[in-house]
Protein backbone atom coordinates (compact mmCIF):
# COMPACT_ATOMS: atom_id res chain seq x y z
CA MET A 1 0.00 0.00 0.00
CA HIS A 2 2.76 2.38 0.75
CA ARG A 3 4.70 1.60 -2.40
CA ALA A 4 1.68 2.08 -4.62
CA SER A 5 1.18 5.63 -3.35
CA VAL A 6 4.74 6.55 -4.08
CA GLY A 7 4.52 5.37 -7.65
CA PHE A 8 1.45 7.56 -8.31
CA VAL A 9 3.19 10.64 -7.13
CA VAL A 10 6.05 10.04 -9.46
CA VAL A 11 3.81 9.69 -12.43
CA VAL A 12 1.97 12.92 -11.59
CA VAL A 13 5.16 14.85 -11.10
CA ALA A 14 6.51 13.59 -14.38
CA ALA A 15 3.39 14.67 -16.10
CA VAL A 16 3.62 18.12 -14.53
CA LEU A 17 7.24 18.45 -15.50
CA ALA A 18 6.48 17.36 -18.98
CA GLY A 19 3.68 20.04 -19.29
CA GLY A 20 6.04 22.85 -18.27
CA ALA A 21 7.44 23.04 -21.78
CA GLY A 22 4.03 24.29 -23.06
CA ALA A 23 1.26 22.42 -24.74
CA GLY A 24 2.19 21.40 -28.21
CA CYS A 25 5.79 22.37 -27.67
CA ALA A 26 8.30 20.50 -29.65
CA THR A 27 10.56 18.14 -27.88
CA GLU A 28 13.29 19.71 -25.83
CA GLY A 29 16.10 20.93 -27.91
CA SER A 30 13.92 21.54 -30.97
CA CYS A 31 12.36 24.95 -30.08
CA VAL A 32 12.26 27.52 -32.96
CA PRO A 33 11.20 31.20 -33.30
CA GLU A 34 7.52 31.81 -32.89
CA VAL A 35 5.51 31.93 -36.14
CA CYS A 36 1.79 32.46 -36.74
CA ASN A 37 0.61 28.85 -36.75
CA GLY A 38 -1.25 28.29 -33.49
CA LEU A 39 1.77 26.51 -31.87
CA ASP A 40 4.18 27.48 -29.15
CA ASP A 41 7.12 27.31 -31.48
CA ASP A 42 9.60 28.87 -29.02
CA CYS A 43 8.40 26.66 -26.14
CA ASP A 44 7.81 29.55 -23.77
CA GLY A 45 4.38 28.44 -22.79
CA GLU A 46 2.60 30.99 -25.02
CA THR A 47 1.19 30.47 -28.47
CA ASP A 48 1.71 33.06 -31.26
CA GLU A 49 2.47 35.67 -28.66
CA GLU A 50 3.00 39.29 -29.84
CA LEU A 51 3.36 38.32 -33.49
CA GLU A 52 2.99 41.42 -35.77
CA GLU A 53 4.25 42.23 -39.28
CA SER A 54 4.27 45.11 -41.74
CA CYS A 55 1.73 45.22 -44.55
CA SER A 56 0.53 47.71 -47.13
CA SER A 57 -2.24 48.62 -49.56
CA ALA A 58 -2.46 50.96 -52.56
CA CYS A 59 -3.07 53.72 -50.07
CA GLY A 60 0.07 53.18 -47.91
CA ALA A 61 1.73 51.09 -45.13
CA GLY A 62 0.22 49.37 -42.06
CA THR A 63 0.60 46.35 -39.74
CA ARG A 64 -1.28 43.18 -38.93
CA ARG A 65 -1.31 40.78 -35.90
CA CYS A 66 -1.49 37.03 -35.67
CA LEU A 67 -4.79 35.89 -34.19
CA GLY A 68 -5.65 32.21 -33.66
CA GLY A 69 -2.91 31.04 -35.93
CA ARG A 70 -3.88 33.40 -38.77
CA TRP A 71 -2.80 36.87 -39.76
CA GLY A 72 -5.41 39.49 -39.13
CA THR A 73 -6.51 42.45 -41.29
CA CYS A 74 -3.87 44.98 -42.40
CA SER A 75 -4.28 48.30 -40.65
CA ALA A 76 -3.35 50.27 -43.84
CA ARG A 77 -6.18 52.35 -45.42
CA GLN A 78 -7.81 50.54 -48.30
CA PRO A 79 -8.86 52.15 -51.63
CA SER A 80 -12.47 53.31 -51.76
CA GLU A 81 -14.74 54.87 -54.35
CA GLU A 82 -13.55 58.30 -55.40
CA VAL A 83 -15.68 61.12 -54.08
CA CYS A 84 -15.39 64.88 -54.52
CA ASP A 85 -13.54 65.73 -51.28
CA GLY A 86 -10.11 66.82 -52.38
CA LEU A 87 -8.62 63.41 -51.45
CA ASP A 88 -7.26 60.51 -53.45
CA ASN A 89 -9.92 58.09 -52.24
CA ASP A 90 -9.06 55.27 -54.62
CA CYS A 91 -5.33 55.74 -54.04
CA ASP A 92 -4.41 55.98 -57.74
CA THR A 93 -2.28 59.13 -57.22
CA GLN A 94 -5.05 61.33 -58.69
CA THR A 95 -7.41 63.48 -56.70
CA ASP A 96 -11.11 63.66 -57.50
CA GLU A 97 -10.53 62.20 -60.97
CA GLY A 98 -13.44 61.03 -63.08
CA GLY A 99 -15.35 64.27 -62.53
CA ALA A 100 -17.29 66.12 -65.20
CA ARG A 101 -15.54 67.90 -68.11
CA TRP A 102 -15.84 71.68 -68.03
CA TYR A 103 -15.31 74.24 -70.82
CA SER A 104 -14.05 77.80 -70.67
CA ASP A 105 -16.70 80.52 -70.98
CA SER A 106 -14.69 83.71 -71.24
CA ASP A 107 -17.55 85.96 -72.34
CA GLY A 108 -19.96 84.70 -69.68
CA ASP A 109 -22.80 83.88 -72.05
CA GLY A 110 -23.30 80.36 -70.67
CA TYR A 111 -21.63 78.65 -73.63
CA GLY A 112 -18.06 77.42 -73.67
CA VAL A 113 -15.42 76.37 -76.18
CA ALA A 114 -13.33 73.22 -76.43
CA ALA A 115 -9.99 74.96 -76.01
CA GLY A 116 -8.75 74.96 -72.41
CA ALA A 117 -11.19 72.29 -71.16
CA LEU A 118 -10.57 70.59 -67.79
CA GLU A 119 -12.06 67.90 -65.54
CA ALA A 120 -13.36 68.64 -62.07
CA CYS A 121 -15.91 67.14 -59.72
CA GLN A 122 -17.34 70.59 -59.13
CA GLN A 123 -17.94 73.40 -61.65
CA PRO A 124 -14.95 75.77 -61.63
CA PRO A 125 -15.60 79.52 -61.89
CA GLY A 126 -15.65 80.69 -65.53
CA TYR A 127 -16.45 77.22 -66.88
CA VAL A 128 -19.63 75.60 -68.18
CA SER A 129 -20.64 72.07 -69.08
CA ASN A 130 -21.02 72.68 -72.87
CA ARG A 131 -18.72 73.65 -75.69
CA ASP A 132 -21.33 75.04 -78.08
CA ASP A 133 -20.08 78.63 -78.40
CA CYS A 134 -18.69 79.75 -81.77
CA ASP A 135 -17.22 83.04 -80.53
CA ASP A 136 -16.15 83.09 -76.89
CA GLY A 137 -15.19 86.73 -77.19
CA ALA A 138 -18.70 88.04 -77.86
CA ALA A 139 -21.47 87.53 -75.31
CA ASP A 140 -24.16 88.14 -77.95
CA VAL A 141 -22.93 85.24 -80.07
CA HIS A 142 -24.08 81.79 -78.94
CA PRO A 143 -26.63 79.13 -79.88
CA GLY A 144 -30.13 80.52 -79.76
CA ALA A 145 -29.04 84.15 -80.03
CA ALA A 146 -31.09 86.47 -82.24
CA GLU A 147 -29.59 86.72 -85.74
CA THR A 148 -29.03 90.24 -87.06
CA CYS A 149 -27.96 91.29 -90.54
CA ASP A 150 -24.44 92.34 -89.68
CA GLY A 151 -22.24 89.73 -91.30
CA ARG A 152 -21.86 87.70 -88.08
CA ASP A 153 -23.21 84.26 -87.22
CA GLU A 154 -24.85 85.21 -83.92
CA ASP A 155 -26.75 81.94 -83.46
CA CYS A 156 -23.72 79.74 -84.29
CA SER A 157 -25.62 77.96 -87.05
CA GLY A 158 -22.65 78.01 -89.39
CA THR A 159 -24.33 80.52 -91.71
CA PRO A 160 -24.21 84.26 -91.04
CA ASP A 161 -27.26 86.42 -91.56
CA GLU A 162 -29.83 83.73 -92.35
CA GLY A 163 -32.98 85.30 -93.66
CA CYS A 164 -31.16 88.45 -94.71
CA ALA A 165 -31.10 89.56 -98.33
CA CYS A 166 -27.38 90.26 -98.06
CA ILE A 167 -24.48 90.55 -95.68
CA ALA A 168 -23.60 93.97 -94.28
CA GLY A 169 -20.84 95.61 -96.30
CA GLN A 170 -21.28 93.26 -99.24
CA THR A 171 -21.37 94.88 -102.69
CA ARG A 172 -22.67 93.82 -106.07
CA PRO A 173 -22.97 95.33 -109.55
CA CYS A 174 -26.35 96.77 -110.47
CA GLY A 175 -28.12 98.24 -113.44
CA ASP A 176 -30.28 96.80 -116.21
CA TRP A 177 -28.31 98.42 -119.01
CA GLY A 178 -25.32 96.10 -119.10
CA ASP A 179 -21.74 97.18 -119.58
CA ARG A 180 -21.46 97.45 -123.34
CA GLY A 181 -19.99 100.46 -125.05
CA PRO A 182 -19.15 103.29 -122.66
CA CYS A 183 -21.73 102.10 -120.15
CA GLU A 184 -20.62 100.79 -116.79
CA LEU A 185 -22.74 99.04 -114.21
CA GLY A 186 -23.34 100.77 -110.90
CA GLN A 187 -22.79 99.31 -107.45
CA GLN A 188 -25.06 98.46 -104.54
CA THR A 189 -23.92 98.10 -100.95
CA CYS A 190 -25.68 95.97 -98.34
CA THR A 191 -26.79 97.84 -95.24
CA ALA A 192 -28.75 96.23 -92.38
CA GLY A 193 -29.54 93.17 -94.48
CA ALA A 194 -30.94 95.06 -97.47
CA TRP A 195 -29.41 96.25 -100.74
CA GLY A 196 -29.01 99.99 -101.03
CA GLU A 197 -29.61 102.18 -104.07
CA CYS A 198 -27.72 101.59 -107.28
CA SER A 199 -25.08 104.29 -107.47
CA GLY A 200 -22.26 105.18 -109.79
CA GLY A 201 -21.76 103.63 -113.18
CA VAL A 202 -22.33 105.11 -116.62
CA ARG A 203 -25.92 104.89 -117.78
CA PRO A 204 -27.15 104.78 -121.38
CA ALA A 205 -27.60 108.14 -123.06
CA GLU A 206 -29.39 109.30 -126.17
CA GLU A 207 -27.56 108.12 -129.26
CA THR A 208 -25.67 110.87 -131.04
CA CYS A 209 -23.45 110.77 -134.09
CA ASN A 210 -20.08 110.54 -132.41
CA GLY A 211 -18.74 107.09 -133.19
CA ILE A 212 -19.77 105.92 -129.72
CA ASP A 213 -22.50 103.51 -128.68
CA ASP A 214 -24.15 106.11 -126.44
CA ASP A 215 -27.24 104.04 -125.68
CA CYS A 216 -25.14 100.93 -125.02
CA ASP A 217 -27.21 98.64 -127.21
CA GLY A 218 -24.22 97.18 -129.01
CA ALA A 219 -24.59 99.37 -132.11
CA THR A 220 -22.67 102.56 -132.77
CA ASP A 221 -24.52 105.61 -134.03
CA ASP A 222 -27.61 103.49 -134.69
CA GLY A 223 -30.69 105.44 -135.63
CA MET A 224 -28.63 108.28 -137.05
CA THR A 225 -29.69 109.69 -140.40
CA GLY A 226 -27.44 110.26 -143.34
CA ASP A 227 -26.56 113.65 -144.80
CA ALA A 228 -28.64 115.63 -147.28
CA TYR A 229 -26.87 114.04 -150.25
CA GLU A 230 -27.73 110.37 -149.99
CA ALA A 231 -28.62 110.36 -153.69
CA ASN A 232 -25.17 111.49 -154.84
CA ASP A 233 -23.67 108.01 -154.79
CA SER A 234 -22.85 107.93 -158.53
CA CYS A 235 -21.03 110.17 -160.96
CA GLU A 236 -24.23 110.81 -162.89
CA ALA A 237 -25.95 111.91 -159.67
CA ALA A 238 -23.06 114.09 -158.48
CA ARG A 239 -24.03 117.03 -156.32
CA ASN A 240 -23.22 120.23 -158.24
CA LEU A 241 -21.39 122.66 -155.98
CA GLY A 242 -21.67 125.47 -158.52
CA THR A 243 -19.10 127.56 -160.39
CA PHE A 244 -15.91 128.52 -158.66
CA HIS A 245 -13.87 131.49 -159.89
CA GLU A 246 -10.13 131.64 -159.88
CA GLN A 247 -7.82 133.32 -157.43
CA GLY A 248 -9.46 132.15 -154.25
CA SER A 249 -10.06 129.24 -151.97
CA ARG A 250 -13.28 127.98 -150.60
CA ASP A 251 -14.67 125.60 -148.04
CA PRO A 252 -18.09 124.84 -149.54
CA MET A 253 -19.22 122.98 -146.43
CA ASP A 254 -19.07 126.21 -144.45
CA GLY A 255 -21.77 127.87 -146.51
CA PRO A 256 -23.57 126.76 -149.60
CA VAL A 257 -23.19 123.04 -148.89
CA SER A 258 -24.64 121.34 -145.83
CA PRO A 259 -22.37 119.01 -143.82
CA VAL A 260 -21.74 115.72 -145.54
CA SER A 261 -20.71 112.39 -144.10
CA LEU A 262 -19.82 108.85 -145.09
CA TYR A 263 -22.91 107.48 -143.43
CA LYS A 264 -26.08 105.98 -144.81
CA SER A 265 -28.95 105.21 -142.51
CA ASP A 266 -29.61 101.93 -144.34
CA GLY A 267 -26.20 100.63 -143.26
CA THR A 268 -24.70 100.36 -146.75
CA ALA A 269 -21.36 101.90 -147.70
CA ASP A 270 -21.67 105.55 -148.61
CA VAL A 271 -20.11 107.14 -151.71
CA ASP A 272 -20.32 110.89 -152.32
CA TRP A 273 -19.87 112.50 -155.76
CA PHE A 274 -19.56 116.26 -156.27
CA ARG A 275 -19.07 118.49 -159.33
CA VAL A 276 -17.31 121.84 -159.35
CA ASP A 277 -17.08 124.09 -162.43
CA THR A 278 -14.12 126.46 -162.53
CA GLU A 279 -14.06 129.75 -164.43
CA GLU A 280 -11.09 131.96 -165.07
CA GLU A 281 -11.41 135.69 -164.66
CA SER A 282 -8.10 137.28 -165.59
CA GLY A 283 -8.24 136.44 -169.30
CA ALA A 284 -4.58 137.49 -169.57
CA CYS A 285 -1.35 135.64 -169.89
CA VAL A 286 1.98 136.16 -168.32
CA PRO A 287 3.92 138.70 -170.43
CA TRP A 288 5.89 137.26 -173.36
CA THR A 289 3.96 133.92 -173.12
CA THR A 290 1.13 132.42 -175.10
CA GLU A 291 -0.09 130.04 -172.39
CA CYS A 292 -1.33 130.21 -168.83
CA CYS A 293 -1.02 127.51 -166.18
CA TYR A 294 -3.97 126.83 -163.91
CA ARG A 295 -4.18 124.72 -160.77
CA PHE A 296 -7.20 123.24 -159.01
CA ALA A 297 -6.32 121.94 -155.53
CA VAL A 298 -8.45 120.06 -153.01
CA LEU A 299 -8.05 119.36 -149.27
CA LEU A 300 -10.02 116.55 -147.60
CA TYR A 301 -10.30 116.63 -143.80
CA PRO A 302 -11.39 113.21 -142.42
CA PRO A 303 -14.30 113.17 -139.96
CA PRO A 304 -13.38 113.25 -136.26
CA GLY A 305 -12.56 109.83 -134.94
CA MET A 306 -12.11 108.17 -138.32
CA PRO A 307 -8.61 106.87 -139.15
CA ARG A 308 -7.27 108.69 -142.19
CA GLU A 309 -6.64 105.35 -143.92
CA ASP A 310 -10.40 104.74 -143.90
CA ILE A 311 -11.33 107.65 -146.19
CA ARG A 312 -10.32 108.37 -149.77
CA LEU A 313 -10.65 111.23 -152.29
CA CYS A 314 -10.38 110.95 -156.07
CA LEU A 315 -10.27 114.05 -158.30
CA TYR A 316 -11.32 113.92 -161.97
CA ARG A 317 -11.10 116.64 -164.68
CA ASP A 318 -13.03 117.21 -167.89
CA GLY A 319 -14.80 114.60 -169.93
CA SER A 320 -17.84 112.76 -168.77
CA CYS A 321 -18.59 110.09 -166.23
CA GLY A 322 -16.59 107.00 -167.02
CA ALA A 323 -14.33 108.81 -169.50
CA PHE A 324 -12.15 111.27 -167.63
CA PRO A 325 -8.92 112.33 -169.32
CA SER A 326 -7.29 113.14 -166.00
CA GLU A 327 -7.76 111.74 -162.51
CA ARG A 328 -5.90 111.74 -159.24
CA CYS A 329 -6.70 109.52 -156.22
CA LEU A 330 -5.11 110.28 -152.88
CA THR A 331 -2.75 107.91 -151.11
CA GLY A 332 -0.89 108.05 -147.81
CA ALA A 333 1.83 110.08 -149.49
CA ASP A 334 -0.68 112.90 -150.03
CA TRP A 335 -1.23 113.47 -146.32
CA ASN A 336 -0.55 117.05 -145.28
CA ALA A 337 0.41 116.79 -141.61
CA THR A 338 0.34 120.56 -141.14
CA GLU A 339 -3.25 120.82 -142.35
CA GLY A 340 -4.31 117.46 -140.94
CA ALA A 341 -5.83 116.67 -144.33
CA TYR A 342 -5.27 114.89 -147.61
CA GLU A 343 -4.20 117.26 -150.40
CA THR A 344 -4.16 116.82 -154.17
CA ALA A 345 -4.28 119.04 -157.25
CA ILE A 346 -4.57 118.92 -161.04
CA CYS A 347 -2.76 121.48 -163.20
CA TRP A 348 -3.37 122.31 -166.87
CA SER A 349 -2.24 124.80 -169.47
CA GLY A 350 -4.65 127.34 -170.86
CA SER A 351 -4.56 129.59 -173.92
CA CYS A 352 -4.30 133.31 -173.72
CA GLY A 353 -7.54 135.03 -174.52
CA SER A 354 -9.75 131.95 -174.26
CA GLU A 355 -11.87 130.50 -171.46
CA ASP A 356 -9.68 128.04 -169.63
CA GLY A 357 -12.05 126.90 -166.87
CA LYS A 358 -12.68 123.17 -166.47
CA PRO A 359 -15.29 121.00 -164.79
CA PHE A 360 -14.11 118.76 -161.95
CA TRP A 361 -15.63 115.76 -160.19
CA LEU A 362 -14.77 114.76 -156.64
CA ARG A 363 -15.41 111.28 -155.33
CA VAL A 364 -15.26 110.58 -151.55
CA ASP A 365 -15.59 107.05 -150.19
CA SER A 366 -13.94 104.55 -147.85
CA PRO A 367 -11.59 101.93 -149.31
CA VAL A 368 -12.47 99.61 -146.41
CA GLY A 369 -16.21 100.26 -146.30
CA ALA A 370 -16.01 102.28 -143.09
CA SER A 371 -18.66 104.80 -142.16
CA SER A 372 -19.02 107.77 -139.87
CA CYS A 373 -21.95 110.06 -139.26
CA GLN A 374 -19.52 112.81 -138.30
CA PRO A 375 -19.01 115.23 -141.23
CA TYR A 376 -15.86 115.43 -143.25
CA ARG A 377 -14.67 118.69 -144.86
CA LEU A 378 -13.69 119.61 -148.39
CA ARG A 379 -11.69 122.72 -149.22
CA TYR A 380 -10.65 123.60 -152.73
CA SER A 381 -8.88 126.42 -154.55
CA PHE A 382 -8.50 127.51 -158.17
CA TYR A 383 -5.86 129.93 -159.33
CA ARG A 384 -3.45 130.79 -162.11
CA ASN A 385 0.01 129.48 -161.37
CA ASP A 386 2.46 131.94 -162.92
CA SER A 387 5.41 129.70 -162.09
CA GLY A 388 4.24 127.23 -164.72
CA CYS A 389 2.55 123.85 -164.76
């Protein structure tokens, strides 16, 4: 009985001694540093005591503790949904990103432009939520604004001055007379969306015989009438200018003959024939001679505006139409620059004591079929030439 009691004590003591190394402790001599596994790794009688480690999240650093053999939650702040609070809630290094896009509204009309846009979770001063303005420097220009006829696109429709007849300051030619001849169209200027009066230009005038298309209808001197000698277009129908006495000169168009022209109202080429009879008056010869020399000279002044090459004069003496013994037609060499006229003459020898006058025919026409309702001039002279023929 005594021995049995002793043996029990020993067993109990051994069990107590064995439990002093900590429950679950490794065998003596195999203790290791404590780790988070629910064991007393370092055999100090405590399990996972004071185990803590560093940890982190997208938002920064923190720590976590070992609880029941498992690591607990990291104390670092975790990302959250971004809100407009001036903080980087979702920890992506950007603050309040994902806000609305705002557009600059410099003129304060409630409409912005794309240039200078920014994102913000709240509306910044001077910014609006649209970019519909077409002129951010004019408060009266924006979608929905009233359109006025001033050349601007106030309502930002892409078309200025819709509904206006014209754009302010715009000009256009005007006039229903065209721009032929000397005429020139006038000009209209747009004011307040309407065309102004037609001003300037050269308007049609009454047609006059001046070689100009005064009425701007494309025809020059149309409607003009010919001279008083339209019937003198043949030698047989020559206009008789009367008898001309020697020792003088005469411009028959200044008196007894009305102005004549190379113009026929029917549009055909005009030819003018004239007859002049000469009559000597001296009846005497140069002393110690039996003959006298006479000279009949003619000057032809072209009508104003007609090139001198476009008019011609032929002078005929004696005979009858179609059978003249003497004729002289002017060429460029017969131009008298001093007089500004063509000049020609026919000389002949007369007999002392007899009538030495001769009849002459003058033919005026255009070698190129030109016409002019402006009058030309004829000047002729008849005299005895004592220096001989």
